[in-house]
Amino acid sequence: MAGMPGMSAKRWPALPYDAWKDTYATLHMWMQIVGKVALAQAPPLNHSWGHPHV
């Protein structure tokens, strides 16, 4: 990015989907597991708590 110290104008390298689709699928599955564990450990939150009852 121009004007930002320490940043170069180089682009990211090519990342063809076929070359990393198995890694993508595994990473996606693990991120879903991490999200479910985090959700299970979070305190319960009632979605209506932020809305006044009229």
N, C-alpha and C. Protein backbone atom coordinates (compact mmCIF):
# COMPACT_ATOMS: atom_id res chain seq x y z
N MET A 1 0.84 -1.17 0.00
CA MET A 1 0.00 0.00 0.00
C MET A 1 0.89 1.23 0.00
N ALA A 2 0.59 2.14 -0.84
CA ALA A 2 1.40 3.35 -0.97
C ALA A 2 1.21 4.23 0.26
N GLY A 3 2.30 4.80 0.72
CA GLY A 3 2.23 5.76 1.80
C GLY A 3 2.25 5.16 3.20
N MET A 4 2.21 3.84 3.31
CA MET A 4 2.24 3.21 4.63
C MET A 4 3.63 2.62 4.87
N PRO A 5 4.32 3.08 5.92
CA PRO A 5 5.65 2.56 6.18
C PRO A 5 5.62 1.06 6.46
N GLY A 6 6.59 0.37 5.93
CA GLY A 6 6.69 -1.06 6.16
C GLY A 6 5.82 -1.91 5.26
N MET A 7 5.00 -1.31 4.44
CA MET A 7 4.12 -2.06 3.54
C MET A 7 4.69 -1.98 2.13
N SER A 8 4.73 -3.10 1.45
CA SER A 8 5.21 -3.08 0.08
C SER A 8 4.03 -3.18 -0.88
N ALA A 9 4.26 -2.86 -2.11
CA ALA A 9 3.21 -2.88 -3.12
C ALA A 9 3.09 -4.26 -3.75
N LYS A 10 3.82 -5.25 -3.23
CA LYS A 10 3.76 -6.60 -3.80
C LYS A 10 2.38 -7.21 -3.54
N ARG A 11 1.95 -8.01 -4.49
CA ARG A 11 0.68 -8.71 -4.35
C ARG A 11 0.90 -10.03 -3.63
N TRP A 12 -0.18 -10.57 -3.10
CA TRP A 12 -0.12 -11.89 -2.50
C TRP A 12 0.18 -12.92 -3.59
N PRO A 13 0.84 -14.01 -3.24
CA PRO A 13 1.10 -15.04 -4.25
C PRO A 13 -0.20 -15.73 -4.68
N ALA A 14 -0.19 -16.31 -5.85
CA ALA A 14 -1.36 -17.02 -6.35
C ALA A 14 -1.67 -18.20 -5.42
N LEU A 15 -2.94 -18.46 -5.22
CA LEU A 15 -3.36 -19.56 -4.36
C LEU A 15 -4.50 -20.30 -5.05
N PRO A 16 -4.14 -21.13 -6.03
CA PRO A 16 -5.18 -21.85 -6.77
C PRO A 16 -5.94 -22.81 -5.85
N TYR A 17 -7.25 -22.79 -5.95
CA TYR A 17 -8.10 -23.59 -5.07
C TYR A 17 -7.77 -25.08 -5.15
N ASP A 18 -7.57 -25.59 -6.34
CA ASP A 18 -7.31 -27.03 -6.49
C ASP A 18 -6.06 -27.47 -5.73
N ALA A 19 -5.10 -26.58 -5.57
CA ALA A 19 -3.86 -26.94 -4.90
C ALA A 19 -4.01 -27.02 -3.38
N TRP A 20 -5.03 -26.38 -2.83
CA TRP A 20 -5.15 -26.37 -1.38
C TRP A 20 -6.56 -26.68 -0.87
N LYS A 21 -7.40 -27.26 -1.73
CA LYS A 21 -8.78 -27.51 -1.33
C LYS A 21 -8.90 -28.49 -0.15
N ASP A 22 -8.01 -29.48 -0.05
CA ASP A 22 -8.05 -30.40 1.09
C ASP A 22 -7.68 -29.68 2.38
N THR A 23 -6.68 -28.82 2.32
CA THR A 23 -6.28 -28.03 3.49
C THR A 23 -7.41 -27.08 3.87
N TYR A 24 -8.04 -26.46 2.89
CA TYR A 24 -9.16 -25.57 3.14
C TYR A 24 -10.29 -26.30 3.85
N ALA A 25 -10.63 -27.48 3.37
CA ALA A 25 -11.74 -28.23 3.96
C ALA A 25 -11.41 -28.61 5.41
N THR A 26 -10.17 -29.03 5.67
CA THR A 26 -9.77 -29.39 7.02
C THR A 26 -9.78 -28.18 7.93
N LEU A 27 -9.22 -27.07 7.47
CA LEU A 27 -9.19 -25.85 8.27
C LEU A 27 -10.60 -25.35 8.57
N HIS A 28 -11.46 -25.41 7.57
CA HIS A 28 -12.84 -24.97 7.75
C HIS A 28 -13.54 -25.83 8.80
N MET A 29 -13.34 -27.15 8.75
CA MET A 29 -13.96 -28.05 9.73
C MET A 29 -13.46 -27.74 11.14
N TRP A 30 -12.15 -27.52 11.30
CA TRP A 30 -11.60 -27.23 12.62
C TRP A 30 -12.09 -25.88 13.14
N MET A 31 -12.24 -24.91 12.27
CA MET A 31 -12.76 -23.61 12.71
C MET A 31 -14.22 -23.74 13.16
N GLN A 32 -14.98 -24.60 12.54
CA GLN A 32 -16.36 -24.84 12.97
C GLN A 32 -16.37 -25.49 14.35
N ILE A 33 -15.46 -26.45 14.58
CA ILE A 33 -15.36 -27.10 15.88
C ILE A 33 -14.97 -26.10 16.96
N VAL A 34 -13.97 -25.26 16.68
CA VAL A 34 -13.54 -24.25 17.64
C VAL A 34 -14.69 -23.30 17.95
N GLY A 35 -15.44 -22.91 16.95
CA GLY A 35 -16.58 -22.02 17.17
C GLY A 35 -17.66 -22.67 18.02
N LYS A 36 -17.93 -23.95 17.80
CA LYS A 36 -18.93 -24.65 18.59
C LYS A 36 -18.49 -24.79 20.04
N VAL A 37 -17.20 -25.07 20.27
CA VAL A 37 -16.68 -25.18 21.63
C VAL A 37 -16.77 -23.83 22.33
N ALA A 38 -16.39 -22.76 21.65
CA ALA A 38 -16.47 -21.42 22.23
C ALA A 38 -17.92 -21.07 22.56
N LEU A 39 -18.84 -21.41 21.68
CA LEU A 39 -20.25 -21.14 21.91
C LEU A 39 -20.77 -21.92 23.11
N ALA A 40 -20.34 -23.18 23.23
CA ALA A 40 -20.79 -24.02 24.34
C ALA A 40 -20.27 -23.51 25.68
N GLN A 41 -19.09 -22.89 25.68
CA GLN A 41 -18.49 -22.41 26.93
C GLN A 41 -18.91 -20.98 27.27
N ALA A 42 -19.53 -20.29 26.36
CA ALA A 42 -19.97 -18.91 26.61
C ALA A 42 -21.20 -18.91 27.50
N PRO A 43 -21.38 -17.86 28.29
CA PRO A 43 -22.59 -17.80 29.11
C PRO A 43 -23.82 -17.68 28.21
N PRO A 44 -24.94 -18.21 28.67
CA PRO A 44 -26.15 -18.14 27.85
C PRO A 44 -26.57 -16.68 27.63
N LEU A 45 -27.07 -16.41 26.46
CA LEU A 45 -27.49 -15.05 26.12
C LEU A 45 -28.87 -15.13 25.49
N ASN A 46 -29.82 -14.50 26.13
CA ASN A 46 -31.17 -14.45 25.59
C ASN A 46 -31.20 -13.31 24.57
N HIS A 47 -31.58 -13.60 23.36
CA HIS A 47 -31.55 -12.60 22.30
C HIS A 47 -32.54 -11.45 22.53
N SER A 48 -33.52 -11.66 23.40
CA SER A 48 -34.49 -10.61 23.64
C SER A 48 -34.06 -9.65 24.75
N TRP A 49 -32.91 -9.89 25.39
CA TRP A 49 -32.47 -9.03 26.48
C TRP A 49 -32.18 -7.60 26.01
N GLY A 50 -31.82 -7.43 24.75
CA GLY A 50 -31.50 -6.11 24.25
C GLY A 50 -32.70 -5.32 23.75
N HIS A 51 -33.90 -5.89 23.83
CA HIS A 51 -35.10 -5.24 23.32
C HIS A 51 -36.07 -4.95 24.46
N PRO A 52 -36.59 -3.75 24.53
CA PRO A 52 -37.59 -3.46 25.56
C PRO A 52 -38.90 -4.19 25.27
N HIS A 53 -39.54 -4.61 26.31
CA HIS A 53 -40.85 -5.27 26.16
C HIS A 53 -41.94 -4.21 26.26
N VAL A 54 -42.69 -4.09 25.22
CA VAL A 54 -43.74 -3.07 25.19
C VAL A 54 -45.08 -3.71 25.37
